[in-house]
C-alpha cells in the first residue's frame, strides 16, 4: 500500500514479487508492506521509497516510519524528516543523513540501527535530532538505538545536536563513533561506545 494505515488494501497470497502501480503525482512515494502468518500474527511495517518527479526533488517536510529495507539518504532539500512511528534501519542497510538535516520525532518513537547510520554534519551545518512538539521538553521522543547487529566501524554521528529525547542515544552492545556532538535534555545509555567531543 502507499498508505501506512493500509486503508483500502486487502491481504494477498505471499509471492516472491508482486506488481504494484504507484500514484501518478510527483513526489516521494512510499510503499508499505506487512505480513501475516497462518496463525494471524502480523509483522512490523516495512517500507521503501522512491522519488518520482518531473520537476526535480520535492521539498520537505517528509514523513517516515517503519522498517527501512534499502539504502536511503535523507537530504537537506527534503528536510525536515518527521518521524511518525519508530524507524528501523535493517541489517545490511545504510541510512545516510546529510549535513543540515533536521529529524523531528512526533512522539515516543525510536530510530533503531541494525545496519549502518552515517549522520555526518559539519561545524556550520549541524544535523539536529529533536522533538516535533510545539512545547519541547525532555522525554518527548525515545532514542537513537544502536543494536549489536549495527556495523560499529561504519556507524557515525558527527556534528549533531541531539535534544529532548528520553534516552537520546542508546548504545546496546554497539560501538559507533559519536563526535563533535551536543547532547542535551536527555538521558544517555552506553554499554560500549566511542564518544569524542571537542
N, C-alpha and C. Protein backbone atom coordinates (compact mmCIF):
# COMPACT_ATOMS: atom_id res chain seq x y z
N UNK A 1 0.85 -1.19 0.00
CA UNK A 1 0.00 0.00 0.00
C UNK A 1 0.88 1.24 0.00
N UNK A 2 0.38 2.35 -0.55
CA UNK A 2 1.06 3.63 -0.41
C UNK A 2 0.64 4.33 0.87
N UNK A 3 -0.26 3.73 1.60
CA UNK A 3 -0.80 4.31 2.84
C UNK A 3 -0.34 3.46 4.02
N UNK A 4 0.36 4.06 4.97
CA UNK A 4 0.88 3.29 6.11
C UNK A 4 -0.25 2.74 6.98
N UNK A 5 -1.45 3.27 6.82
CA UNK A 5 -2.61 2.73 7.54
C UNK A 5 -3.31 1.62 6.79
N UNK A 6 -2.87 1.36 5.54
CA UNK A 6 -3.37 0.27 4.70
C UNK A 6 -4.86 0.39 4.40
N UNK A 7 -5.39 1.60 4.40
CA UNK A 7 -6.80 1.78 4.09
C UNK A 7 -7.06 1.37 2.64
N UNK A 8 -8.11 0.57 2.46
CA UNK A 8 -8.47 0.10 1.12
C UNK A 8 -7.63 -1.05 0.61
N UNK A 9 -6.67 -1.52 1.39
CA UNK A 9 -5.81 -2.63 0.96
C UNK A 9 -6.35 -3.96 1.45
N UNK A 10 -6.12 -5.00 0.66
CA UNK A 10 -6.54 -6.36 1.03
C UNK A 10 -5.31 -7.25 1.18
N UNK A 11 -5.41 -8.26 2.02
CA UNK A 11 -4.34 -9.25 2.14
C UNK A 11 -4.23 -10.02 0.83
N UNK A 12 -2.99 -10.32 0.43
CA UNK A 12 -2.75 -11.09 -0.77
C UNK A 12 -1.90 -12.30 -0.42
N UNK A 13 -2.04 -13.34 -1.21
CA UNK A 13 -1.21 -14.54 -1.01
C UNK A 13 0.25 -14.17 -1.20
N UNK A 14 1.12 -14.76 -0.38
CA UNK A 14 2.55 -14.45 -0.46
C UNK A 14 3.12 -14.86 -1.82
N UNK A 15 3.98 -14.01 -2.37
CA UNK A 15 4.69 -14.31 -3.61
C UNK A 15 6.06 -13.68 -3.54
N UNK A 16 7.00 -14.21 -4.29
CA UNK A 16 8.35 -13.66 -4.31
C UNK A 16 8.39 -12.23 -4.82
N UNK A 17 7.46 -11.87 -5.69
CA UNK A 17 7.36 -10.50 -6.19
C UNK A 17 5.91 -10.22 -6.56
N UNK A 18 5.55 -8.95 -6.49
CA UNK A 18 4.20 -8.52 -6.85
C UNK A 18 4.30 -7.25 -7.68
N UNK A 19 3.41 -7.10 -8.66
CA UNK A 19 3.31 -5.86 -9.40
C UNK A 19 2.54 -4.84 -8.57
N UNK A 20 3.00 -3.59 -8.60
CA UNK A 20 2.33 -2.54 -7.82
C UNK A 20 2.43 -1.24 -8.59
N UNK A 21 1.31 -0.57 -8.78
CA UNK A 21 1.28 0.70 -9.50
C UNK A 21 1.24 1.86 -8.52
N UNK A 22 2.19 2.78 -8.66
CA UNK A 22 2.23 3.97 -7.82
C UNK A 22 1.29 5.03 -8.38
N UNK A 23 0.83 5.91 -7.50
CA UNK A 23 0.04 7.05 -7.95
C UNK A 23 0.89 7.92 -8.86
N UNK A 24 0.25 8.66 -9.75
CA UNK A 24 0.98 9.32 -10.83
C UNK A 24 1.55 10.68 -10.45
N UNK A 25 1.13 11.26 -9.33
CA UNK A 25 1.59 12.60 -8.99
C UNK A 25 3.09 12.60 -8.65
N UNK A 26 3.74 13.74 -8.89
CA UNK A 26 5.13 13.90 -8.49
C UNK A 26 5.25 13.83 -6.97
N UNK A 27 6.43 13.43 -6.49
CA UNK A 27 6.70 13.46 -5.06
C UNK A 27 7.36 12.19 -4.58
N UNK A 28 7.66 12.16 -3.27
CA UNK A 28 8.24 10.98 -2.65
C UNK A 28 7.16 9.92 -2.51
N UNK A 29 7.42 8.75 -3.05
CA UNK A 29 6.47 7.65 -2.99
C UNK A 29 6.95 6.60 -2.00
N UNK A 30 6.08 6.21 -1.11
CA UNK A 30 6.39 5.17 -0.13
C UNK A 30 5.52 3.95 -0.40
N UNK A 31 6.12 2.78 -0.35
CA UNK A 31 5.39 1.53 -0.46
C UNK A 31 5.54 0.80 0.86
N UNK A 32 4.42 0.53 1.50
CA UNK A 32 4.40 -0.11 2.81
C UNK A 32 3.91 -1.54 2.66
N UNK A 33 4.49 -2.42 3.45
CA UNK A 33 4.08 -3.83 3.42
C UNK A 33 4.13 -4.40 4.83
N UNK A 34 3.26 -5.34 5.08
CA UNK A 34 3.35 -6.14 6.30
C UNK A 34 2.87 -7.54 5.97
N UNK A 35 3.22 -8.48 6.80
CA UNK A 35 2.98 -9.88 6.50
C UNK A 35 2.17 -10.52 7.64
N UNK A 36 1.36 -11.50 7.26
CA UNK A 36 0.53 -12.19 8.25
C UNK A 36 0.72 -13.69 8.11
N UNK A 37 0.97 -14.36 9.23
CA UNK A 37 1.14 -15.81 9.22
C UNK A 37 -0.22 -16.49 9.20
N UNK A 38 -0.17 -17.80 9.00
CA UNK A 38 -1.41 -18.58 9.04
C UNK A 38 -2.08 -18.50 10.41
N UNK A 39 -1.27 -18.18 11.42
CA UNK A 39 -1.81 -18.05 12.78
C UNK A 39 -2.25 -16.61 13.06
N UNK A 40 -2.34 -15.80 12.00
CA UNK A 40 -2.80 -14.41 12.04
C UNK A 40 -1.87 -13.49 12.82
N UNK A 41 -0.61 -13.89 13.01
CA UNK A 41 0.37 -12.98 13.58
C UNK A 41 0.82 -12.00 12.49
N UNK A 42 0.87 -10.71 12.83
CA UNK A 42 1.16 -9.68 11.84
C UNK A 42 2.53 -9.07 12.13
N UNK A 43 3.33 -8.91 11.09
CA UNK A 43 4.69 -8.38 11.23
C UNK A 43 4.67 -6.87 11.43
N UNK A 44 5.84 -6.32 11.76
CA UNK A 44 6.02 -4.88 11.75
C UNK A 44 5.92 -4.39 10.31
N UNK A 45 5.68 -3.09 10.16
CA UNK A 45 5.57 -2.50 8.83
C UNK A 45 6.96 -2.32 8.22
N UNK A 46 7.13 -2.75 6.98
CA UNK A 46 8.33 -2.48 6.19
C UNK A 46 7.99 -1.45 5.13
N UNK A 47 8.99 -0.67 4.73
CA UNK A 47 8.71 0.29 3.68
C UNK A 47 9.95 0.55 2.84
N UNK A 48 9.70 1.05 1.65
CA UNK A 48 10.77 1.55 0.80
C UNK A 48 10.24 2.80 0.12
N UNK A 49 11.14 3.61 -0.41
CA UNK A 49 10.70 4.87 -1.00
C UNK A 49 11.43 5.14 -2.30
N UNK A 50 10.81 5.95 -3.13
CA UNK A 50 11.42 6.39 -4.38
C UNK A 50 10.90 7.79 -4.69
N UNK A 51 11.78 8.63 -5.22
CA UNK A 51 11.40 9.99 -5.59
C UNK A 51 10.97 10.00 -7.06
N UNK A 52 9.70 10.36 -7.30
CA UNK A 52 9.18 10.50 -8.65
C UNK A 52 8.91 11.97 -8.90
N UNK A 53 9.53 12.53 -9.94
CA UNK A 53 9.35 13.96 -10.16
C UNK A 53 9.67 14.32 -11.60
N UNK A 54 8.81 15.14 -12.17
CA UNK A 54 9.11 15.73 -13.48
C UNK A 54 9.76 17.09 -13.30
N UNK A 55 9.85 17.55 -12.05
CA UNK A 55 10.39 18.87 -11.77
C UNK A 55 11.51 18.83 -10.74
N UNK A 56 12.10 17.65 -10.53
CA UNK A 56 13.16 17.54 -9.54
C UNK A 56 12.62 17.13 -8.18
N UNK A 57 13.50 16.93 -7.20
CA UNK A 57 13.09 16.50 -5.86
C UNK A 57 12.11 17.48 -5.22
N UNK A 58 11.26 16.94 -4.35
CA UNK A 58 10.26 17.75 -3.67
C UNK A 58 10.78 18.19 -2.30
N UNK A 59 10.41 19.38 -1.87
CA UNK A 59 10.87 19.87 -0.56
C UNK A 59 10.16 19.19 0.59
N UNK A 60 10.78 19.29 1.78
CA UNK A 60 10.16 18.74 2.97
C UNK A 60 8.98 19.60 3.41
N UNK A 61 8.26 19.16 4.45
CA UNK A 61 8.63 18.04 5.33
C UNK A 61 8.34 16.68 4.70
N UNK A 62 9.08 15.66 5.19
CA UNK A 62 8.94 14.29 4.72
C UNK A 62 8.58 13.41 5.91
N UNK A 63 7.48 12.66 5.80
CA UNK A 63 7.03 11.78 6.88
C UNK A 63 7.65 10.40 6.72
N UNK A 64 8.17 9.82 7.81
CA UNK A 64 8.79 8.50 7.74
C UNK A 64 8.39 7.65 8.94
N UNK A 65 8.33 6.34 8.72
CA UNK A 65 8.12 5.36 9.78
C UNK A 65 8.33 3.97 9.19
N UNK A 66 8.49 2.97 10.05
CA UNK A 66 8.56 1.59 9.61
C UNK A 66 9.97 1.07 9.43
N UNK A 67 10.09 -0.06 8.75
CA UNK A 67 11.36 -0.76 8.56
C UNK A 67 11.98 -0.34 7.24
N UNK A 68 13.23 0.09 7.29
CA UNK A 68 13.96 0.55 6.10
C UNK A 68 14.73 -0.63 5.52
N UNK A 69 14.39 -1.02 4.29
CA UNK A 69 14.96 -2.23 3.71
C UNK A 69 15.90 -1.97 2.54
N UNK A 70 16.14 -0.70 2.20
CA UNK A 70 17.09 -0.36 1.14
C UNK A 70 17.86 0.89 1.55
N UNK A 71 19.06 1.04 1.01
CA UNK A 71 19.89 2.21 1.33
C UNK A 71 19.13 3.49 1.02
N UNK A 72 19.20 4.44 1.94
CA UNK A 72 18.40 5.67 1.83
C UNK A 72 19.24 6.85 2.27
N UNK A 73 19.03 7.99 1.60
CA UNK A 73 19.68 9.24 2.00
C UNK A 73 18.61 10.26 2.34
N UNK A 74 18.73 10.86 3.53
CA UNK A 74 17.86 11.96 3.93
C UNK A 74 18.58 13.26 3.58
N UNK A 75 17.98 14.05 2.70
CA UNK A 75 18.63 15.23 2.14
C UNK A 75 18.13 16.51 2.80
N UNK A 76 18.94 17.56 2.69
CA UNK A 76 18.53 18.85 3.23
C UNK A 76 17.31 19.39 2.49
N UNK A 77 17.21 19.09 1.21
CA UNK A 77 16.09 19.61 0.43
C UNK A 77 14.76 19.04 0.91
N UNK A 78 14.76 17.78 1.33
CA UNK A 78 13.53 17.13 1.78
C UNK A 78 13.34 17.21 3.29
N UNK A 79 14.25 17.92 3.96
CA UNK A 79 14.17 18.13 5.40
C UNK A 79 13.10 19.20 5.71
N UNK A 80 12.45 19.13 6.89
CA UNK A 80 12.70 18.19 7.97
C UNK A 80 12.03 16.84 7.74
N UNK A 81 12.60 15.81 8.36
CA UNK A 81 12.02 14.48 8.35
C UNK A 81 11.24 14.29 9.64
N UNK A 82 9.96 14.01 9.53
CA UNK A 82 9.08 13.87 10.68
C UNK A 82 8.88 12.38 10.95
N UNK A 83 9.35 11.92 12.11
CA UNK A 83 9.23 10.51 12.47
C UNK A 83 7.85 10.28 13.06
N UNK A 84 6.98 9.59 12.29
CA UNK A 84 5.59 9.36 12.71
C UNK A 84 5.40 8.00 13.37
N UNK A 85 6.44 7.21 13.43
CA UNK A 85 6.46 5.90 14.07
C UNK A 85 7.90 5.45 14.08
N UNK A 86 8.26 4.53 14.95
CA UNK A 86 9.67 4.13 15.04
C UNK A 86 10.19 3.66 13.68
N UNK A 87 11.46 4.00 13.41
CA UNK A 87 12.12 3.64 12.15
C UNK A 87 13.24 2.66 12.46
N UNK A 88 13.28 1.54 11.75
CA UNK A 88 14.31 0.54 11.94
C UNK A 88 15.14 0.42 10.66
N UNK A 89 16.45 0.68 10.78
CA UNK A 89 17.37 0.50 9.65
C UNK A 89 17.86 -0.94 9.70
N UNK A 90 17.41 -1.74 8.75
CA UNK A 90 17.66 -3.18 8.78
C UNK A 90 19.14 -3.51 8.63
N UNK A 91 19.53 -4.69 9.08
CA UNK A 91 20.89 -5.18 8.89
C UNK A 91 21.21 -5.20 7.40
N UNK A 92 22.40 -4.68 7.04
CA UNK A 92 22.81 -4.63 5.65
C UNK A 92 22.36 -3.37 4.92
N UNK A 93 21.62 -2.50 5.61
CA UNK A 93 21.09 -1.28 5.01
C UNK A 93 21.79 -0.07 5.63
N UNK A 94 22.05 0.96 4.84
CA UNK A 94 22.68 2.20 5.31
C UNK A 94 21.72 3.37 5.18
N UNK A 95 21.54 4.10 6.27
CA UNK A 95 20.84 5.38 6.25
C UNK A 95 21.90 6.47 6.34
N UNK A 96 21.95 7.32 5.32
CA UNK A 96 22.87 8.46 5.30
C UNK A 96 22.05 9.73 5.52
N UNK A 97 22.49 10.57 6.45
CA UNK A 97 21.80 11.83 6.73
C UNK A 97 22.76 12.97 6.39
N UNK A 98 22.34 13.84 5.49
CA UNK A 98 23.20 14.93 5.05
C UNK A 98 23.34 16.02 6.11
N UNK A 99 24.43 16.76 6.03
CA UNK A 99 24.64 17.91 6.92
C UNK A 99 23.49 18.89 6.74
N UNK A 100 23.02 19.45 7.86
CA UNK A 100 21.95 20.44 7.83
C UNK A 100 20.56 19.87 7.94
N UNK A 101 20.41 18.55 7.91
CA UNK A 101 19.08 17.93 8.01
C UNK A 101 18.56 18.01 9.44
N UNK A 102 17.26 18.22 9.58
CA UNK A 102 16.59 18.17 10.88
C UNK A 102 15.66 16.96 10.91
N UNK A 103 15.77 16.16 11.97
CA UNK A 103 14.92 14.99 12.18
C UNK A 103 14.06 15.27 13.41
N UNK A 104 12.74 15.29 13.23
CA UNK A 104 11.82 15.61 14.31
C UNK A 104 10.98 14.39 14.65
N UNK A 105 11.01 13.99 15.92
CA UNK A 105 10.24 12.83 16.37
C UNK A 105 8.88 13.32 16.87
N UNK A 106 7.82 12.73 16.31
CA UNK A 106 6.47 13.21 16.59
C UNK A 106 5.81 12.49 17.76
N UNK A 107 6.58 11.77 18.55
CA UNK A 107 6.05 11.05 19.70
C UNK A 107 7.13 10.16 20.29
N UNK A 108 6.70 9.19 21.07
CA UNK A 108 7.62 8.29 21.77
C UNK A 108 8.15 7.23 20.80
N UNK A 109 8.94 7.67 19.82
CA UNK A 109 9.43 6.80 18.77
C UNK A 109 10.96 6.76 18.78
N UNK A 110 11.51 5.69 18.19
CA UNK A 110 12.95 5.48 18.17
C UNK A 110 13.46 5.39 16.74
N UNK A 111 14.74 5.70 16.57
CA UNK A 111 15.47 5.39 15.35
C UNK A 111 16.41 4.25 15.70
N UNK A 112 16.10 3.05 15.22
CA UNK A 112 16.81 1.83 15.62
C UNK A 112 17.75 1.41 14.50
N UNK A 113 19.02 1.22 14.85
CA UNK A 113 20.03 0.89 13.85
C UNK A 113 20.47 -0.56 14.02
N UNK A 114 20.04 -1.41 13.09
CA UNK A 114 20.56 -2.77 12.99
C UNK A 114 21.58 -2.87 11.87
N UNK A 115 21.63 -1.86 11.02
CA UNK A 115 22.60 -1.80 9.92
C UNK A 115 23.61 -0.70 10.17
N UNK A 116 23.57 0.35 9.33
CA UNK A 116 24.55 1.44 9.42
C UNK A 116 23.85 2.79 9.38
N UNK A 117 24.27 3.68 10.27
CA UNK A 117 23.84 5.07 10.25
C UNK A 117 25.07 5.95 10.02
N UNK A 118 25.02 6.78 8.98
CA UNK A 118 26.07 7.78 8.74
C UNK A 118 25.40 9.14 8.78
N UNK A 119 25.50 9.80 9.92
CA UNK A 119 24.92 11.14 10.12
C UNK A 119 26.09 12.10 10.31
N UNK A 120 26.56 12.66 9.21
CA UNK A 120 27.80 13.44 9.23
C UNK A 120 27.50 14.90 8.90
N UNK A 121 27.35 15.71 9.96
CA UNK A 121 27.17 17.13 9.77
C UNK A 121 28.51 17.83 9.66
N UNK A 122 28.48 19.14 9.72
CA UNK A 122 29.70 19.94 9.74
C UNK A 122 29.57 20.96 10.87
N UNK A 123 30.65 21.66 11.14
CA UNK A 123 30.61 22.68 12.20
C UNK A 123 29.60 23.77 11.88
N UNK A 124 29.41 24.04 10.60
CA UNK A 124 28.48 25.09 10.18
C UNK A 124 27.07 24.58 9.90
N UNK A 125 26.95 23.29 9.63
CA UNK A 125 25.65 22.70 9.31
C UNK A 125 25.45 21.44 10.15
N UNK A 126 24.92 21.64 11.36
CA UNK A 126 24.67 20.52 12.25
C UNK A 126 23.48 19.70 11.75
N UNK A 127 23.50 18.42 12.08
CA UNK A 127 22.31 17.57 11.96
C UNK A 127 21.59 17.65 13.31
N UNK A 128 20.28 17.86 13.27
CA UNK A 128 19.52 18.03 14.51
C UNK A 128 18.51 16.90 14.67
N UNK A 129 18.55 16.24 15.83
CA UNK A 129 17.55 15.25 16.22
C UNK A 129 16.78 15.88 17.37
N UNK A 130 15.47 16.12 17.18
CA UNK A 130 14.74 16.89 18.17
C UNK A 130 13.28 16.45 18.23
N UNK A 131 12.52 17.13 19.05
CA UNK A 131 11.09 16.88 19.20
C UNK A 131 10.30 17.65 18.15
N UNK A 132 9.16 17.09 17.76
CA UNK A 132 8.25 17.79 16.86
C UNK A 132 7.13 18.49 17.62
N UNK A 133 7.22 18.50 18.95
CA UNK A 133 6.18 19.14 19.75
C UNK A 133 6.36 20.66 19.74
N UNK A 134 5.25 21.37 19.88
CA UNK A 134 5.30 22.83 19.95
C UNK A 134 6.05 23.27 21.21
N UNK A 135 5.70 22.64 22.33
CA UNK A 135 6.36 22.93 23.59
C UNK A 135 7.28 21.76 23.92
N UNK A 136 8.55 21.95 23.66
CA UNK A 136 9.52 20.87 23.76
C UNK A 136 10.00 20.69 25.19
N UNK A 137 10.20 19.42 25.58
CA UNK A 137 10.74 19.11 26.90
C UNK A 137 11.42 17.75 26.84
N UNK A 138 12.27 17.49 27.82
CA UNK A 138 12.97 16.21 27.88
C UNK A 138 11.97 15.06 27.90
N UNK A 139 12.23 14.03 27.10
CA UNK A 139 11.36 12.86 27.07
C UNK A 139 10.28 12.90 26.01
N UNK A 140 10.31 13.91 25.13
CA UNK A 140 9.29 14.00 24.07
C UNK A 140 9.37 12.84 23.08
N UNK A 141 10.57 12.29 22.89
CA UNK A 141 10.73 11.15 21.99
C UNK A 141 11.64 10.13 22.64
N UNK A 142 11.91 9.04 21.95
CA UNK A 142 12.67 7.94 22.55
C UNK A 142 14.17 8.08 22.43
N UNK A 143 14.77 7.38 21.43
CA UNK A 143 16.22 7.33 21.37
C UNK A 143 16.69 6.95 19.98
N UNK A 144 17.96 7.23 19.73
CA UNK A 144 18.69 6.63 18.62
C UNK A 144 19.37 5.40 19.21
N UNK A 145 18.95 4.23 18.78
CA UNK A 145 19.41 2.99 19.40
C UNK A 145 20.28 2.20 18.43
N UNK A 146 21.54 2.03 18.81
CA UNK A 146 22.46 1.17 18.05
C UNK A 146 22.44 -0.21 18.69
N UNK A 147 22.00 -1.21 17.94
CA UNK A 147 21.95 -2.57 18.49
C UNK A 147 23.21 -3.34 18.08
N UNK A 148 23.36 -4.52 18.66
CA UNK A 148 24.63 -5.24 18.48
C UNK A 148 24.85 -5.71 17.05
N UNK A 149 23.80 -5.67 16.21
CA UNK A 149 23.97 -6.04 14.80
C UNK A 149 24.43 -4.86 13.95
N UNK A 150 24.46 -3.65 14.52
CA UNK A 150 24.90 -2.48 13.74
C UNK A 150 26.40 -2.60 13.43
N UNK A 151 26.82 -1.91 12.36
CA UNK A 151 28.21 -2.03 11.88
C UNK A 151 29.05 -0.97 12.59
N UNK A 152 29.75 -1.38 13.65
CA UNK A 152 30.47 -0.43 14.52
C UNK A 152 31.42 0.48 13.75
N UNK A 153 32.20 -0.10 12.86
CA UNK A 153 33.26 0.68 12.19
C UNK A 153 32.70 1.72 11.23
N UNK A 154 31.45 1.55 10.79
CA UNK A 154 30.87 2.47 9.81
C UNK A 154 29.84 3.43 10.41
N UNK A 155 29.31 3.11 11.59
CA UNK A 155 28.29 3.96 12.19
C UNK A 155 28.91 5.23 12.76
N UNK A 156 28.33 6.37 12.41
CA UNK A 156 28.91 7.66 12.78
C UNK A 156 27.81 8.70 12.99
N UNK A 157 27.90 9.41 14.11
CA UNK A 157 27.15 10.65 14.31
C UNK A 157 28.18 11.72 14.59
N UNK A 158 28.26 12.71 13.72
CA UNK A 158 29.29 13.75 13.83
C UNK A 158 28.65 15.12 13.59
N UNK A 159 29.02 16.07 14.42
CA UNK A 159 28.47 17.43 14.34
C UNK A 159 26.94 17.37 14.31
N UNK A 160 26.39 16.94 15.44
CA UNK A 160 24.93 16.83 15.57
C UNK A 160 24.48 17.41 16.90
N UNK A 161 23.24 17.85 16.92
CA UNK A 161 22.54 18.26 18.14
C UNK A 161 21.46 17.24 18.40
N UNK A 162 21.49 16.62 19.58
CA UNK A 162 20.50 15.62 19.97
C UNK A 162 19.83 16.13 21.24
N UNK A 163 18.52 16.40 21.17
CA UNK A 163 17.85 17.06 22.29
C UNK A 163 16.43 16.54 22.47
N UNK A 164 15.97 16.58 23.73
CA UNK A 164 14.59 16.32 24.15
C UNK A 164 14.15 14.86 24.02
N UNK A 165 15.10 13.92 23.90
CA UNK A 165 14.72 12.51 23.90
C UNK A 165 14.66 11.97 25.32
N UNK A 166 14.09 10.77 25.46
CA UNK A 166 14.08 10.10 26.76
C UNK A 166 15.49 9.63 27.10
N UNK A 167 16.06 8.87 26.17
CA UNK A 167 17.43 8.40 26.35
C UNK A 167 18.36 9.13 25.40
N UNK A 168 17.89 9.51 24.26
CA UNK A 168 18.72 10.23 23.30
C UNK A 168 19.57 9.29 22.48
N UNK A 169 20.56 8.68 23.12
CA UNK A 169 21.42 7.71 22.43
C UNK A 169 21.55 6.47 23.31
N UNK A 170 21.30 5.31 22.72
CA UNK A 170 21.42 4.05 23.43
C UNK A 170 22.34 3.14 22.63
N UNK A 171 23.54 2.92 23.15
CA UNK A 171 24.50 2.01 22.50
C UNK A 171 24.44 0.68 23.24
N UNK A 172 23.64 -0.23 22.72
CA UNK A 172 23.38 -1.50 23.38
C UNK A 172 24.27 -2.58 22.76
N UNK A 173 25.41 -2.83 23.41
CA UNK A 173 26.41 -3.76 22.88
C UNK A 173 26.84 -3.34 21.48
N UNK A 174 26.98 -2.03 21.28
CA UNK A 174 27.39 -1.48 19.99
C UNK A 174 28.45 -0.41 20.24
N UNK A 175 29.26 -0.13 19.24
CA UNK A 175 30.34 0.84 19.40
C UNK A 175 30.43 1.78 18.19
N UNK A 176 29.41 2.60 17.98
CA UNK A 176 29.50 3.61 16.93
C UNK A 176 30.46 4.73 17.36
N UNK A 177 30.82 5.58 16.41
CA UNK A 177 31.60 6.77 16.73
C UNK A 177 30.65 7.96 16.82
N UNK A 178 30.69 8.67 17.96
CA UNK A 178 29.88 9.86 18.17
C UNK A 178 30.84 10.96 18.55
N UNK A 179 30.96 11.99 17.69
CA UNK A 179 31.96 13.01 17.95
C UNK A 179 31.47 14.39 17.51
N UNK A 180 31.98 15.41 18.23
CA UNK A 180 31.62 16.80 17.95
C UNK A 180 30.11 17.00 18.03
N UNK A 181 29.48 16.42 19.04
CA UNK A 181 28.04 16.49 19.19
C UNK A 181 27.65 17.21 20.48
N UNK A 182 26.47 17.82 20.46
CA UNK A 182 25.86 18.37 21.67
C UNK A 182 24.64 17.53 21.99
N UNK A 183 24.62 16.95 23.18
CA UNK A 183 23.51 16.11 23.63
C UNK A 183 22.96 16.75 24.89
N UNK A 184 21.68 17.17 24.84
CA UNK A 184 21.13 17.90 25.98
C UNK A 184 19.66 17.51 26.20
N UNK A 185 19.22 17.74 27.43
CA UNK A 185 17.84 17.46 27.83
C UNK A 185 17.44 16.03 27.53
N UNK A 186 18.38 15.09 27.71
CA UNK A 186 18.12 13.67 27.51
C UNK A 186 18.90 12.88 28.55
N UNK A 187 18.59 11.59 28.64
CA UNK A 187 19.44 10.66 29.37
C UNK A 187 20.34 9.98 28.37
N UNK A 188 21.33 9.25 28.84
CA UNK A 188 22.24 8.52 27.97
C UNK A 188 22.39 7.11 28.50
N UNK A 189 22.53 6.14 27.58
CA UNK A 189 22.79 4.76 27.99
C UNK A 189 23.85 4.18 27.08
N UNK A 190 25.04 3.98 27.62
CA UNK A 190 26.16 3.43 26.86
C UNK A 190 26.62 2.14 27.53
N UNK A 191 26.69 1.04 26.77
CA UNK A 191 27.34 -0.15 27.30
C UNK A 191 28.71 -0.34 26.65
N UNK A 192 28.87 0.14 25.42
CA UNK A 192 30.17 0.09 24.74
C UNK A 192 30.09 1.10 23.61
N UNK A 193 30.85 2.16 23.69
CA UNK A 193 30.68 3.22 22.70
C UNK A 193 31.91 4.11 22.71
N UNK A 194 32.26 4.66 21.55
CA UNK A 194 33.34 5.62 21.47
C UNK A 194 32.72 7.01 21.30
N UNK A 195 32.91 7.86 22.27
CA UNK A 195 32.35 9.21 22.23
C UNK A 195 33.47 10.20 22.34
N UNK A 196 33.50 11.18 21.42
CA UNK A 196 34.51 12.21 21.48
C UNK A 196 33.86 13.55 21.17
N UNK A 197 34.15 14.55 21.93
CA UNK A 197 33.59 15.87 21.70
C UNK A 197 34.69 16.90 21.91
N UNK A 198 34.88 17.79 20.94
CA UNK A 198 35.90 18.81 21.02
C UNK A 198 35.26 20.17 20.86
